[in-house]
C-alpha atoms as a PDB file:
ATOM      1  CA  UNK A   1     -16.374-102.105  52.590  1.00  0.00           C
ATOM      2  CA  UNK A   2     -18.262-105.373  52.387  1.00  0.00           C
ATOM      3  CA  UNK A   3     -17.020-108.463  50.557  1.00  0.00           C
ATOM      4  CA  UNK A   4     -19.786-108.347  47.971  1.00  0.00           C
ATOM      5  CA  UNK A   5     -18.938-104.718  47.103  1.00  0.00           C
ATOM      6  CA  UNK A   6     -15.286-105.658  46.506  1.00  0.00           C
ATOM      7  CA  UNK A   7     -16.397-108.637  44.416  1.00  0.00           C
ATOM      8  CA  UNK A   8     -18.721-106.476  42.287  1.00  0.00           C
ATOM      9  CA  UNK A   9     -15.888-103.993  41.684  1.00  0.00           C
ATOM     10  CA  UNK A  10     -13.597-106.861  40.625  1.00  0.00           C
ATOM     11  CA  UNK A  11     -16.163-108.103  38.102  1.00  0.00           C
ATOM     12  CA  UNK A  12     -16.796-104.610  36.735  1.00  0.00           C
ATOM     13  CA  UNK A  13     -13.094-103.867  36.314  1.00  0.00           C
ATOM     14  CA  UNK A  14     -12.404-107.230  34.651  1.00  0.00           C
ATOM     15  CA  UNK A  15     -15.151-106.569  32.092  1.00  0.00           C
ATOM     16  CA  UNK A  16     -13.910-103.006  31.542  1.00  0.00           C
ATOM     17  CA  UNK A  17     -10.511-104.481  30.677  1.00  0.00           C
ATOM     18  CA  UNK A  18     -11.944-106.961  28.152  1.00  0.00           C
ATOM     19  CA  UNK A  19     -12.164-110.017  30.379  1.00  0.00           C
ATOM     20  CA  UNK A  20     -14.763-111.778  32.459  1.00  0.00           C
ATOM     21  CA  UNK A  21     -14.853-112.815  36.106  1.00  0.00           C
ATOM     22  CA  UNK A  22     -17.519-115.493  36.482  1.00  0.00           C
ATOM     23  CA  UNK A  23     -18.467-116.893  39.862  1.00  0.00           C
ATOM     24  CA  UNK A  24     -16.645-120.189  40.409  1.00  0.00           C
ATOM     25  CA  UNK A  25     -18.799-122.877  41.971  1.00  0.00           C
ATOM     26  CA  UNK A  26     -17.603-126.459  42.075  1.00  0.00           C
ATOM     27  CA  UNK A  27     -20.125-128.904  43.529  1.00  0.00           C
ATOM     28  CA  UNK A  28     -18.340-131.523  45.567  1.00  0.00           C
ATOM     29  CA  UNK A  29     -15.182-129.442  45.929  1.00  0.00           C
ATOM     30  CA  UNK A  30     -15.585-127.010  48.796  1.00  0.00           C
ATOM     31  CA  UNK A  31     -13.208-124.153  49.499  1.00  0.00           C
ATOM     32  CA  UNK A  32     -12.549-123.117  45.898  1.00  0.00           C
ATOM     33  CA  UNK A  33     -11.865-119.419  45.194  1.00  0.00           C
ATOM     34  CA  UNK A  34     -14.845-117.137  44.520  1.00  0.00           C
ATOM     35  CA  UNK A  35     -14.045-115.978  40.990  1.00  0.00           C
ATOM     36  CA  UNK A  36     -12.276-117.034  37.822  1.00  0.00           C
ATOM     37  CA  UNK A  37     -10.388-114.232  36.098  1.00  0.00           C
ATOM     38  CA  UNK A  38     -10.410-114.899  32.351  1.00  0.00           C
ATOM     39  CA  UNK A  39      -8.696-112.653  29.818  1.00  0.00           C
ATOM     40  CA  UNK A  40      -7.839-112.809  26.115  1.00  0.00           C
ATOM     41  CA  UNK A  41      -4.834-114.897  25.204  1.00  0.00           C
ATOM     42  CA  UNK A  42      -5.804-117.731  27.542  1.00  0.00           C
ATOM     43  CA  UNK A  43      -4.923-115.807  30.677  1.00  0.00           C
ATOM     44  CA  UNK A  44      -6.544-117.394  33.722  1.00  0.00           C
ATOM     45  CA  UNK A  45      -6.312-116.867  37.454  1.00  0.00           C
ATOM     46  CA  UNK A  46      -8.458-117.397  40.520  1.00  0.00           C
ATOM     47  CA  UNK A  47      -9.565-114.777  43.045  1.00  0.00           C
ATOM     48  CA  UNK A  48     -10.710-115.301  46.618  1.00  0.00           C
ATOM     49  CA  UNK A  49     -12.493-112.209  47.887  1.00  0.00           C
ATOM     50  CA  UNK A  50     -12.647-111.525  51.619  1.00  0.00           C
ATOM     51  CA  UNK A  51     -14.121-108.743  53.681  1.00  0.00           C
ATOM     52  CA  UNK A  52     -11.412-106.395  54.978  1.00  0.00           C
ATOM     53  CA  UNK A  53      -9.472-108.063  57.775  1.00  0.00           C
ATOM     54  CA  UNK A  54     -11.121-111.486  57.364  1.00  0.00           C
ATOM     55  CA  UNK A  55      -8.871-114.553  57.226  1.00  0.00           C
ATOM     56  CA  UNK A  56      -8.948-117.564  54.936  1.00  0.00           C
ATOM     57  CA  UNK A  57     -10.566-120.681  56.333  1.00  0.00           C
ATOM     58  CA  UNK A  58      -8.218-123.695  56.571  1.00  0.00           C
ATOM     59  CA  UNK A  59      -9.982-125.437  53.670  1.00  0.00           C
ATOM     60  CA  UNK A  60      -9.649-122.324  51.511  1.00  0.00           C
ATOM     61  CA  UNK A  61      -5.945-122.203  52.323  1.00  0.00           C
ATOM     62  CA  UNK A  62      -5.550-125.849  51.263  1.00  0.00           C
ATOM     63  CA  UNK A  63      -7.414-125.271  47.980  1.00  0.00           C
ATOM     64  CA  UNK A  64      -5.226-122.279  47.199  1.00  0.00           C
ATOM     65  CA  UNK A  65      -2.111-124.362  47.898  1.00  0.00           C
ATOM     66  CA  UNK A  66      -3.492-127.111  45.653  1.00  0.00           C
ATOM     67  CA  UNK A  67      -4.170-124.702  42.781  1.00  0.00           C
ATOM     68  CA  UNK A  68      -0.815-122.951  43.044  1.00  0.00           C
ATOM     69  CA  UNK A  69       0.947-126.341  43.111  1.00  0.00           C
ATOM     70  CA  UNK A  70      -0.745-127.012  39.773  1.00  0.00           C
ATOM     71  CA  UNK A  71       0.728-123.776  38.430  1.00  0.00           C
ATOM     72  CA  UNK A  72      -2.288-121.462  38.659  1.00  0.00           C
ATOM     73  CA  UNK A  73      -2.226-117.922  39.986  1.00  0.00           C
ATOM     74  CA  UNK A  74      -4.510-117.420  42.973  1.00  0.00           C
ATOM     75  CA  UNK A  75      -5.075-113.994  44.482  1.00  0.00           C
ATOM     76  CA  UNK A  76      -6.658-113.129  47.797  1.00  0.00           C
ATOM     77  CA  UNK A  77      -8.043-109.628  47.973  1.00  0.00           C
ATOM     78  CA  UNK A  78      -9.750-107.767  50.768  1.00  0.00           C
ATOM     79  CA  UNK A  79      -9.479-104.183  49.523  1.00  0.00           C
ATOM     80  CA  UNK A  80     -10.756-102.639  46.315  1.00  0.00           C
ATOM     81  CA  UNK A  81      -7.387-100.897  45.916  1.00  0.00           C
ATOM     82  CA  UNK A  82      -5.795-104.291  45.144  1.00  0.00           C
ATOM     83  CA  UNK A  83      -7.939-104.940  42.089  1.00  0.00           C
ATOM     84  CA  UNK A  84      -5.946-102.946  39.516  1.00  0.00           C
ATOM     85  CA  UNK A  85      -2.633-104.512  40.503  1.00  0.00           C
ATOM     86  CA  UNK A  86      -4.096-108.025  40.473  1.00  0.00           C
ATOM     87  CA  UNK A  87      -5.674-107.607  37.052  1.00  0.00           C
ATOM     88  CA  UNK A  88      -2.464-106.052  35.706  1.00  0.00           C
ATOM     89  CA  UNK A  89      -0.573-109.143  36.817  1.00  0.00           C
ATOM     90  CA  UNK A  90      -3.091-111.561  35.295  1.00  0.00           C
ATOM     91  CA  UNK A  91      -3.069-109.687  31.994  1.00  0.00           C
ATOM     92  CA  UNK A  92       0.741-109.579  31.892  1.00  0.00           C
ATOM     93  CA  UNK A  93       1.317-113.319  32.237  1.00  0.00           C
END
């Protein structure tokens, strides 16, 4: 499965569950995760979507470390089967 197919499934499932998953683009700050996961009650997380078996680039790894140090949840997914579990966790916090 291609990365964009996994990303589309993530967006569709987030909307189905009452949230949104907008593309996250931050000019001047490279390496940020692909998507914000926003749900009612102020629930927020970040998602980096990779093609199956692909690794994070070093800059992506540093951005994820930076965001988690600030207290944010950041998920890396490379299989559509991970989506339900990730969204469950975001909605539960």
